[in-house]
């Protein structure tokens, strides 16, 4: 029985040593987990900051793109456009040879704001249309539609390349 007690005492001692070793391993792993959780928290904060910066830049880019694609058009009779400070007649002699041009202090409130990438057709009242602003003839076509005329923009980048304003005199 003494031999058995000695054997059991030895086994208990070995178990206690093994338990102590396992406890140290668990403690070490807990410390590692805490360190990794701290790093993960830091990475999460950095990711959040980067994501916020990305969102801000994305909003800024959308606003810039919208601004770049914003164009304006106005139409009316020559008198209407002159009265609303869109065009003026310059130069010439005694009413002859005057050129119609945009005014230097354009009345932006009279213009309609559109997105050049989305709006491909502009309908104006009248059948006789005269462009005051320059737009390459190959970039659009005119389609009569009863008492109206539709300006169909075939190539938006060419059409709006020279001017972000379209002014049309109708008769």
N, C-alpha and C. Protein backbone atom coordinates (compact mmCIF):
# COMPACT_ATOMS: atom_id res chain seq x y z
N UNK A 1 0.82 -1.17 0.00
CA UNK A 1 0.00 0.00 0.00
C UNK A 1 0.87 1.25 0.00
N UNK A 2 2.02 1.16 0.68
CA UNK A 2 2.95 2.29 0.69
C UNK A 2 3.47 2.53 -0.71
N UNK A 3 3.73 1.45 -1.41
CA UNK A 3 4.23 1.59 -2.78
C UNK A 3 3.18 2.27 -3.66
N UNK A 4 1.95 1.87 -3.45
CA UNK A 4 0.88 2.44 -4.25
C UNK A 4 0.71 3.92 -3.90
N UNK A 5 0.81 4.26 -2.65
CA UNK A 5 0.70 5.64 -2.21
C UNK A 5 1.82 6.48 -2.81
N UNK A 6 3.03 5.91 -2.80
CA UNK A 6 4.17 6.61 -3.39
C UNK A 6 3.94 6.85 -4.88
N UNK A 7 3.45 5.82 -5.55
CA UNK A 7 3.20 5.94 -6.98
C UNK A 7 2.14 7.02 -7.24
N UNK A 8 1.07 6.99 -6.45
CA UNK A 8 -0.01 7.97 -6.61
C UNK A 8 0.49 9.36 -6.26
N UNK A 9 1.31 9.49 -5.25
CA UNK A 9 1.88 10.78 -4.86
C UNK A 9 2.74 11.34 -5.98
N UNK A 10 3.49 10.45 -6.64
CA UNK A 10 4.35 10.86 -7.76
C UNK A 10 3.49 11.33 -8.94
N UNK A 11 2.41 10.57 -9.18
CA UNK A 11 1.51 10.94 -10.28
C UNK A 11 0.81 12.26 -9.99
N UNK A 12 0.43 12.47 -8.75
CA UNK A 12 -0.23 13.72 -8.37
C UNK A 12 0.74 14.88 -8.56
N UNK A 13 1.99 14.69 -8.20
CA UNK A 13 3.01 15.73 -8.36
C UNK A 13 3.19 16.03 -9.85
N UNK A 14 3.23 15.01 -10.67
CA UNK A 14 3.36 15.21 -12.12
C UNK A 14 2.15 15.97 -12.66
N UNK A 15 0.97 15.63 -12.16
CA UNK A 15 -0.24 16.32 -12.58
C UNK A 15 -0.21 17.79 -12.16
N UNK A 16 0.27 18.05 -10.94
CA UNK A 16 0.37 19.42 -10.48
C UNK A 16 1.34 20.22 -11.33
N UNK A 17 2.46 19.61 -11.71
CA UNK A 17 3.43 20.27 -12.58
C UNK A 17 2.80 20.53 -13.95
N UNK A 18 2.08 19.56 -14.47
CA UNK A 18 1.43 19.70 -15.77
C UNK A 18 0.37 20.79 -15.69
N UNK A 19 -0.42 20.82 -14.64
CA UNK A 19 -1.45 21.84 -14.47
C UNK A 19 -0.82 23.22 -14.39
N UNK A 20 0.28 23.35 -13.64
CA UNK A 20 0.98 24.64 -13.53
C UNK A 20 1.47 25.08 -14.90
N UNK A 21 2.01 24.15 -15.67
CA UNK A 21 2.51 24.45 -17.01
C UNK A 21 1.36 24.90 -17.93
N UNK A 22 0.25 24.20 -17.87
CA UNK A 22 -0.92 24.55 -18.68
C UNK A 22 -1.48 25.92 -18.27
N UNK A 23 -1.47 26.21 -16.98
CA UNK A 23 -1.94 27.51 -16.50
C UNK A 23 -1.05 28.63 -17.03
N UNK A 24 0.28 28.39 -17.07
CA UNK A 24 1.19 29.39 -17.63
C UNK A 24 0.90 29.59 -19.11
N UNK A 25 0.66 28.47 -19.83
CA UNK A 25 0.32 28.56 -21.26
C UNK A 25 -0.96 29.37 -21.47
N UNK A 26 -1.97 29.10 -20.65
CA UNK A 26 -3.23 29.82 -20.76
C UNK A 26 -3.02 31.31 -20.48
N UNK A 27 -2.24 31.62 -19.45
CA UNK A 27 -1.96 33.02 -19.12
C UNK A 27 -1.24 33.70 -20.28
N UNK A 28 -0.24 33.01 -20.85
CA UNK A 28 0.51 33.58 -21.97
C UNK A 28 -0.42 33.80 -23.17
N UNK A 29 -1.30 32.84 -23.45
CA UNK A 29 -2.23 32.96 -24.57
C UNK A 29 -3.24 34.09 -24.32
N UNK A 30 -3.69 34.25 -23.07
CA UNK A 30 -4.58 35.36 -22.73
C UNK A 30 -3.91 36.70 -23.01
N UNK A 31 -2.62 36.81 -22.66
CA UNK A 31 -1.87 38.04 -22.92
C UNK A 31 -1.77 38.29 -24.43
N UNK A 32 -1.50 37.23 -25.19
CA UNK A 32 -1.41 37.35 -26.65
C UNK A 32 -2.77 37.79 -27.23
N UNK A 33 -3.83 37.21 -26.71
CA UNK A 33 -5.18 37.58 -27.18
C UNK A 33 -5.44 39.05 -26.88
N UNK A 34 -5.07 39.50 -25.69
CA UNK A 34 -5.26 40.91 -25.33
C UNK A 34 -4.47 41.83 -26.26
N UNK A 35 -3.22 41.46 -26.55
CA UNK A 35 -2.40 42.25 -27.48
C UNK A 35 -3.04 42.30 -28.87
N UNK A 36 -3.47 41.15 -29.35
CA UNK A 36 -4.09 41.09 -30.67
C UNK A 36 -5.41 41.87 -30.71
N UNK A 37 -6.18 41.83 -29.63
CA UNK A 37 -7.41 42.61 -29.58
C UNK A 37 -7.10 44.11 -29.60
N UNK A 38 -6.04 44.50 -28.91
CA UNK A 38 -5.61 45.91 -28.94
C UNK A 38 -5.21 46.33 -30.34
N UNK A 39 -4.44 45.48 -31.03
CA UNK A 39 -4.04 45.78 -32.41
C UNK A 39 -5.26 45.84 -33.33
N UNK A 40 -6.17 44.91 -33.12
CA UNK A 40 -7.39 44.89 -33.92
C UNK A 40 -8.21 46.16 -33.70
N UNK A 41 -8.31 46.62 -32.46
CA UNK A 41 -9.02 47.87 -32.16
C UNK A 41 -8.35 49.05 -32.88
N UNK A 42 -7.01 49.09 -32.85
CA UNK A 42 -6.28 50.16 -33.54
C UNK A 42 -6.51 50.11 -35.05
N UNK A 43 -6.46 48.89 -35.60
CA UNK A 43 -6.70 48.74 -37.04
C UNK A 43 -8.13 49.14 -37.40
N UNK A 44 -9.06 48.80 -36.53
CA UNK A 44 -10.44 49.16 -36.76
C UNK A 44 -10.60 50.68 -36.78
N UNK A 45 -9.94 51.38 -35.87
CA UNK A 45 -9.99 52.84 -35.83
C UNK A 45 -9.35 53.43 -37.09
N UNK A 46 -8.21 52.87 -37.50
CA UNK A 46 -7.54 53.35 -38.71
C UNK A 46 -8.41 53.12 -39.94
N UNK A 47 -9.01 51.93 -40.01
CA UNK A 47 -9.90 51.62 -41.13
C UNK A 47 -11.08 52.58 -41.15
N UNK A 48 -11.64 52.85 -40.00
CA UNK A 48 -12.77 53.76 -39.90
C UNK A 48 -12.38 55.16 -40.39
N UNK A 49 -11.19 55.61 -39.98
CA UNK A 49 -10.71 56.93 -40.41
C UNK A 49 -10.49 56.95 -41.93
N UNK A 50 -9.90 55.87 -42.47
CA UNK A 50 -9.69 55.79 -43.91
C UNK A 50 -11.01 55.76 -44.66
N UNK A 51 -11.96 55.01 -44.14
CA UNK A 51 -13.27 54.92 -44.78
C UNK A 51 -13.96 56.28 -44.77
N UNK A 52 -13.87 56.99 -43.67
CA UNK A 52 -14.46 58.34 -43.59
C UNK A 52 -13.81 59.28 -44.60
N UNK A 53 -12.48 59.19 -44.72
CA UNK A 53 -11.76 60.03 -45.68
C UNK A 53 -12.17 59.67 -47.11
N UNK A 54 -12.32 58.38 -47.37
CA UNK A 54 -12.76 57.92 -48.69
C UNK A 54 -14.17 58.46 -48.99
N UNK A 55 -15.07 58.36 -48.03
CA UNK A 55 -16.43 58.86 -48.22
C UNK A 55 -16.42 60.35 -48.53
N UNK A 56 -15.61 61.09 -47.79
CA UNK A 56 -15.51 62.53 -47.98
C UNK A 56 -14.99 62.85 -49.39
N UNK A 57 -13.95 62.13 -49.81
CA UNK A 57 -13.40 62.34 -51.15
C UNK A 57 -14.40 61.95 -52.23
N UNK A 58 -15.13 60.88 -51.98
CA UNK A 58 -16.13 60.43 -52.94
C UNK A 58 -17.22 61.48 -53.12
N UNK A 59 -17.67 62.07 -52.02
CA UNK A 59 -18.69 63.13 -52.08
C UNK A 59 -18.12 64.33 -52.82
N UNK A 60 -16.88 64.67 -52.52
CA UNK A 60 -16.22 65.80 -53.18
C UNK A 60 -16.11 65.55 -54.69
N UNK A 61 -15.72 64.34 -55.06
CA UNK A 61 -15.60 63.99 -56.48
C UNK A 61 -16.95 64.05 -57.19
N UNK A 62 -18.00 63.56 -56.51
CA UNK A 62 -19.33 63.61 -57.10
C UNK A 62 -19.76 65.06 -57.33
N UNK A 63 -19.46 65.92 -56.37
CA UNK A 63 -19.81 67.34 -56.51
C UNK A 63 -19.03 67.98 -57.65
N UNK A 64 -17.74 67.63 -57.75
CA UNK A 64 -16.92 68.18 -58.84
C UNK A 64 -17.41 67.68 -60.19
N UNK A 65 -17.76 66.41 -60.28
CA UNK A 65 -18.27 65.85 -61.52
C UNK A 65 -19.58 66.52 -61.91
N UNK A 66 -20.45 66.71 -60.92
CA UNK A 66 -21.73 67.39 -61.18
C UNK A 66 -21.47 68.81 -61.69
N UNK A 67 -20.54 69.50 -61.07
CA UNK A 67 -20.22 70.87 -61.49
C UNK A 67 -19.64 70.88 -62.91
N UNK A 68 -18.76 69.92 -63.19
CA UNK A 68 -18.15 69.87 -64.53
C UNK A 68 -19.20 69.59 -65.60
N UNK A 69 -20.23 68.82 -65.27
CA UNK A 69 -21.25 68.45 -66.25
C UNK A 69 -22.43 69.43 -66.28
N UNK A 70 -22.38 70.47 -65.48
CA UNK A 70 -23.46 71.45 -65.46
C UNK A 70 -23.29 72.44 -66.60
N UNK A 71 -24.36 72.57 -67.38
CA UNK A 71 -24.38 73.52 -68.49
C UNK A 71 -25.71 74.28 -68.42
N UNK A 72 -25.82 75.34 -69.22
CA UNK A 72 -26.98 76.22 -69.15
C UNK A 72 -27.49 76.53 -70.55
N UNK A 73 -28.80 76.67 -70.65
CA UNK A 73 -29.35 77.11 -71.93
C UNK A 73 -30.48 78.11 -71.70
N UNK A 74 -30.65 78.96 -72.70
CA UNK A 74 -31.74 79.94 -72.69
C UNK A 74 -32.16 80.16 -74.14
N UNK A 75 -33.44 80.42 -74.30
CA UNK A 75 -33.93 80.73 -75.64
C UNK A 75 -35.06 81.75 -75.52
N UNK A 76 -35.28 82.42 -76.59
CA UNK A 76 -36.35 83.41 -76.65
C UNK A 76 -36.17 84.27 -77.88
N UNK A 77 -37.10 85.21 -78.05
CA UNK A 77 -36.95 86.13 -79.17
C UNK A 77 -35.76 87.04 -78.86
N UNK A 78 -35.30 87.71 -79.87
CA UNK A 78 -34.17 88.63 -79.70
C UNK A 78 -34.51 89.68 -78.65
N UNK A 79 -35.72 90.20 -78.68
CA UNK A 79 -36.14 91.21 -77.71
C UNK A 79 -36.18 90.64 -76.29
N UNK A 80 -36.75 89.44 -76.14
CA UNK A 80 -36.81 88.80 -74.81
C UNK A 80 -35.41 88.62 -74.23
N UNK A 81 -34.50 88.12 -75.06
CA UNK A 81 -33.14 87.87 -74.58
C UNK A 81 -32.42 89.17 -74.25
N UNK A 82 -32.68 90.22 -75.02
CA UNK A 82 -32.07 91.52 -74.72
C UNK A 82 -32.66 92.09 -73.44
N UNK A 83 -33.98 92.02 -73.29
CA UNK A 83 -34.65 92.54 -72.09
C UNK A 83 -34.18 91.83 -70.82
N UNK A 84 -33.83 90.55 -70.96
CA UNK A 84 -33.39 89.77 -69.80
C UNK A 84 -31.87 89.74 -69.65
N UNK A 85 -31.20 90.64 -70.35
CA UNK A 85 -29.75 90.82 -70.24
C UNK A 85 -28.96 89.54 -70.53
N UNK A 86 -29.38 88.85 -71.61
CA UNK A 86 -28.66 87.66 -72.05
C UNK A 86 -27.81 88.02 -73.26
N UNK A 87 -28.39 88.79 -74.20
CA UNK A 87 -27.66 89.19 -75.40
C UNK A 87 -27.73 90.71 -75.55
N UNK A 88 -26.83 91.20 -76.39
CA UNK A 88 -26.85 92.62 -76.76
C UNK A 88 -26.34 92.72 -78.19
N UNK A 89 -26.73 93.78 -78.85
CA UNK A 89 -26.26 94.01 -80.22
C UNK A 89 -25.18 95.06 -80.15
N UNK A 90 -24.03 94.74 -80.77
CA UNK A 90 -22.87 95.63 -80.70
C UNK A 90 -22.39 96.01 -82.09
N UNK A 91 -21.66 97.11 -82.07
CA UNK A 91 -21.01 97.62 -83.28
C UNK A 91 -22.04 97.98 -84.35
N UNK A 92 -21.64 98.07 -85.55
CA UNK A 92 -22.55 98.44 -86.63
C UNK A 92 -22.70 99.95 -86.74
N UNK A 93 -23.41 100.36 -87.76
CA UNK A 93 -23.60 101.79 -88.02
C UNK A 93 -25.04 102.03 -88.43
N UNK A 94 -25.71 102.89 -87.70
CA UNK A 94 -27.11 103.25 -87.96
C UNK A 94 -28.01 102.02 -88.07
N UNK A 95 -27.82 101.09 -87.15
CA UNK A 95 -28.66 99.89 -87.12
C UNK A 95 -28.24 98.82 -88.10
N UNK A 96 -27.22 99.09 -88.89
CA UNK A 96 -26.78 98.10 -89.89
C UNK A 96 -25.51 97.41 -89.41
N UNK A 97 -25.39 96.14 -89.65
CA UNK A 97 -24.17 95.40 -89.37
C UNK A 97 -23.91 95.10 -87.90
N UNK A 98 -24.93 95.27 -87.06
CA UNK A 98 -24.73 94.98 -85.65
C UNK A 98 -24.62 93.47 -85.44
N UNK A 99 -23.72 93.09 -84.52
CA UNK A 99 -23.55 91.68 -84.19
C UNK A 99 -24.23 91.39 -82.87
N UNK A 100 -24.89 90.25 -82.82
CA UNK A 100 -25.54 89.82 -81.58
C UNK A 100 -24.53 88.99 -80.79
N UNK A 101 -24.33 89.40 -79.52
CA UNK A 101 -23.37 88.72 -78.65
C UNK A 101 -23.97 88.56 -77.27
N UNK A 102 -23.35 87.69 -76.47
CA UNK A 102 -23.75 87.57 -75.07
C UNK A 102 -23.34 88.84 -74.34
N UNK A 103 -24.13 89.23 -73.36
CA UNK A 103 -23.77 90.40 -72.57
C UNK A 103 -22.60 90.06 -71.67
N UNK A 104 -21.86 91.07 -71.29
CA UNK A 104 -20.69 90.84 -70.44
C UNK A 104 -21.11 90.49 -69.00
N UNK A 105 -22.27 90.97 -68.57
CA UNK A 105 -22.77 90.62 -67.23
C UNK A 105 -24.04 89.78 -67.39
N UNK A 106 -23.83 88.53 -67.77
CA UNK A 106 -24.88 87.59 -68.10
C UNK A 106 -25.86 87.40 -66.94
N UNK A 107 -27.13 87.39 -67.24
CA UNK A 107 -28.18 87.16 -66.24
C UNK A 107 -28.37 85.65 -66.09
N UNK A 108 -27.64 85.05 -65.16
CA UNK A 108 -27.69 83.59 -64.96
C UNK A 108 -29.08 83.09 -64.57
N UNK A 109 -29.87 83.94 -63.94
CA UNK A 109 -31.20 83.53 -63.48
C UNK A 109 -32.13 83.20 -64.66
N UNK A 110 -31.86 83.72 -65.82
CA UNK A 110 -32.70 83.47 -66.99
C UNK A 110 -32.42 82.11 -67.63
N UNK A 111 -31.30 81.50 -67.29
CA UNK A 111 -30.89 80.25 -67.90
C UNK A 111 -31.46 79.04 -67.17
N UNK A 112 -31.63 77.96 -67.90
CA UNK A 112 -32.04 76.68 -67.33
C UNK A 112 -30.78 75.84 -67.15
N UNK A 113 -30.62 75.29 -65.97
CA UNK A 113 -29.44 74.49 -65.64
C UNK A 113 -29.75 73.02 -65.93
N UNK A 114 -28.82 72.34 -66.64
CA UNK A 114 -29.00 70.92 -66.95
C UNK A 114 -27.66 70.20 -66.81
N UNK A 115 -27.72 68.87 -66.84
CA UNK A 115 -26.53 68.04 -66.81
C UNK A 115 -26.23 67.63 -68.25
N UNK A 116 -25.06 67.98 -68.74
CA UNK A 116 -24.71 67.73 -70.15
C UNK A 116 -24.63 66.24 -70.48
N UNK A 117 -24.37 65.41 -69.50
CA UNK A 117 -24.26 63.96 -69.75
C UNK A 117 -25.63 63.29 -69.79
N UNK A 118 -26.62 63.92 -69.17
CA UNK A 118 -27.95 63.30 -69.08
C UNK A 118 -28.94 63.87 -70.08
N UNK A 119 -28.87 65.16 -70.32
CA UNK A 119 -29.86 65.82 -71.18
C UNK A 119 -29.34 65.83 -72.62
N UNK A 120 -30.03 65.11 -73.50
CA UNK A 120 -29.58 65.00 -74.90
C UNK A 120 -30.51 65.72 -75.88
N UNK A 121 -31.66 66.18 -75.37
CA UNK A 121 -32.61 66.88 -76.23
C UNK A 121 -33.10 68.13 -75.52
N UNK A 122 -33.13 69.23 -76.26
CA UNK A 122 -33.64 70.50 -75.73
C UNK A 122 -34.70 70.99 -76.71
N UNK A 123 -35.91 71.16 -76.21
CA UNK A 123 -37.00 71.61 -77.07
C UNK A 123 -37.23 73.10 -76.83
N UNK A 124 -37.30 73.85 -77.93
CA UNK A 124 -37.54 75.29 -77.85
C UNK A 124 -38.80 75.62 -78.65
N UNK A 125 -39.48 76.68 -78.22
CA UNK A 125 -40.68 77.14 -78.93
C UNK A 125 -40.22 77.90 -80.17
N UNK A 126 -40.77 77.56 -81.31
CA UNK A 126 -40.41 78.26 -82.55
C UNK A 126 -39.78 77.33 -83.56
N UNK A 127 -39.88 77.73 -84.81
CA UNK A 127 -39.34 76.89 -85.87
C UNK A 127 -38.06 77.45 -86.46
N UNK A 128 -37.88 78.74 -86.37
CA UNK A 128 -36.65 79.36 -86.86
C UNK A 128 -35.73 79.58 -85.66
N UNK A 129 -34.63 78.86 -85.62
CA UNK A 129 -33.71 79.00 -84.50
C UNK A 129 -32.34 79.48 -85.00
N UNK A 130 -31.75 80.35 -84.20
CA UNK A 130 -30.43 80.86 -84.52
C UNK A 130 -29.58 80.75 -83.25
N UNK A 131 -28.47 80.04 -83.36
CA UNK A 131 -27.57 79.88 -82.21
C UNK A 131 -26.73 81.15 -82.06
N UNK A 132 -26.70 81.69 -80.86
CA UNK A 132 -25.84 82.84 -80.57
C UNK A 132 -24.47 82.34 -80.10
N UNK A 133 -24.48 81.30 -79.30
CA UNK A 133 -23.23 80.69 -78.85
C UNK A 133 -22.79 79.68 -79.91
N UNK A 134 -21.50 79.43 -79.97
CA UNK A 134 -20.98 78.52 -81.00
C UNK A 134 -20.99 77.08 -80.48
N UNK A 135 -21.54 76.20 -81.31
CA UNK A 135 -21.54 74.76 -81.06
C UNK A 135 -21.33 74.09 -82.41
N UNK A 136 -20.34 73.21 -82.53
CA UNK A 136 -20.05 72.60 -83.84
C UNK A 136 -21.30 71.96 -84.46
N UNK A 137 -21.53 72.26 -85.70
CA UNK A 137 -22.73 71.78 -86.41
C UNK A 137 -22.81 70.25 -86.41
N UNK A 138 -21.68 69.58 -86.41
CA UNK A 138 -21.69 68.11 -86.45
C UNK A 138 -22.08 67.49 -85.11
N UNK A 139 -22.16 68.30 -84.05
CA UNK A 139 -22.45 67.75 -82.72
C UNK A 139 -23.94 67.77 -82.38
N UNK A 140 -24.78 68.29 -83.28
CA UNK A 140 -26.22 68.34 -83.00
C UNK A 140 -26.99 68.30 -84.31
N UNK A 141 -28.28 68.07 -84.16
CA UNK A 141 -29.18 68.21 -85.31
C UNK A 141 -30.47 68.85 -84.81
N UNK A 142 -31.15 69.53 -85.72
CA UNK A 142 -32.41 70.19 -85.41
C UNK A 142 -33.57 69.37 -85.97
N UNK A 143 -34.56 69.11 -85.11
CA UNK A 143 -35.74 68.36 -85.55
C UNK A 143 -36.98 69.22 -85.35
N UNK A 144 -37.61 69.65 -86.46
CA UNK A 144 -38.85 70.42 -86.33
C UNK A 144 -39.95 69.53 -85.74
N UNK A 145 -40.77 70.11 -84.87
CA UNK A 145 -41.82 69.36 -84.21
C UNK A 145 -43.04 70.28 -84.07
N UNK A 146 -43.74 70.50 -85.18
CA UNK A 146 -44.87 71.43 -85.17
C UNK A 146 -44.37 72.86 -85.00
N UNK A 147 -44.84 73.54 -83.94
CA UNK A 147 -44.44 74.92 -83.67
C UNK A 147 -43.17 74.97 -82.82
N UNK A 148 -42.59 73.82 -82.58
CA UNK A 148 -41.37 73.72 -81.75
C UNK A 148 -40.23 73.12 -82.57
N UNK A 149 -39.04 73.30 -82.03
CA UNK A 149 -37.86 72.69 -82.62
C UNK A 149 -37.11 71.98 -81.49
N UNK A 150 -36.68 70.75 -81.77
CA UNK A 150 -35.90 70.00 -80.79
C UNK A 150 -34.45 69.99 -81.24
N UNK A 151 -33.58 70.42 -80.33
CA UNK A 151 -32.14 70.35 -80.58
C UNK A 151 -31.69 69.01 -80.01
N UNK A 152 -31.27 68.12 -80.89
CA UNK A 152 -30.81 66.80 -80.48
C UNK A 152 -29.28 66.84 -80.43
N UNK A 153 -28.74 66.64 -79.25
CA UNK A 153 -27.28 66.69 -79.08
C UNK A 153 -26.71 65.31 -79.38
N UNK A 154 -25.94 65.23 -80.45
CA UNK A 154 -25.37 63.96 -80.89
C UNK A 154 -24.08 63.62 -80.15
N UNK A 155 -23.28 64.64 -79.88
CA UNK A 155 -22.00 64.45 -79.20
C UNK A 155 -21.86 65.54 -78.13
N UNK A 156 -22.22 65.20 -76.90
CA UNK A 156 -22.27 66.19 -75.82
C UNK A 156 -20.91 66.83 -75.56
N UNK A 157 -19.85 66.05 -75.56
CA UNK A 157 -18.53 66.64 -75.25
C UNK A 157 -18.12 67.65 -76.32
N UNK A 158 -18.44 67.39 -77.58
CA UNK A 158 -18.14 68.35 -78.65
C UNK A 158 -19.07 69.55 -78.57
N UNK A 159 -20.34 69.28 -78.33
CA UNK A 159 -21.34 70.35 -78.31
C UNK A 159 -21.02 71.39 -77.24
N UNK A 160 -20.65 70.94 -76.04
CA UNK A 160 -20.40 71.84 -74.91
C UNK A 160 -18.93 72.20 -74.74
N UNK A 161 -18.07 71.80 -75.67
CA UNK A 161 -16.63 72.00 -75.53
C UNK A 161 -16.23 73.47 -75.47
N UNK A 162 -16.80 74.29 -76.29
CA UNK A 162 -16.40 75.70 -76.38
C UNK A 162 -17.11 76.56 -75.34
N UNK A 163 -18.38 76.27 -75.10
CA UNK A 163 -19.16 77.08 -74.17
C UNK A 163 -20.08 76.20 -73.35
N UNK A 164 -20.20 76.52 -72.08
CA UNK A 164 -21.14 75.80 -71.20
C UNK A 164 -22.51 76.46 -71.25
N UNK A 165 -22.65 77.45 -72.15
CA UNK A 165 -23.92 78.15 -72.33
C UNK A 165 -24.41 77.94 -73.75
N UNK A 166 -25.71 77.73 -73.87
CA UNK A 166 -26.36 77.66 -75.17
C UNK A 166 -27.42 78.77 -75.18
N UNK A 167 -27.31 79.67 -76.15
CA UNK A 167 -28.29 80.74 -76.30
C UNK A 167 -28.86 80.63 -77.71
N UNK A 168 -30.19 80.55 -77.77
CA UNK A 168 -30.87 80.38 -79.04
C UNK A 168 -31.91 81.49 -79.20
N UNK A 169 -31.86 82.16 -80.35
CA UNK A 169 -32.86 83.17 -80.68
C UNK A 169 -33.89 82.47 -81.56
N UNK A 170 -35.15 82.62 -81.17
CA UNK A 170 -36.23 82.02 -81.97
C UNK A 170 -37.07 83.12 -82.60
N UNK A 171 -37.67 82.79 -83.73
CA UNK A 171 -38.57 83.75 -84.41
C UNK A 171 -39.92 83.13 -84.54
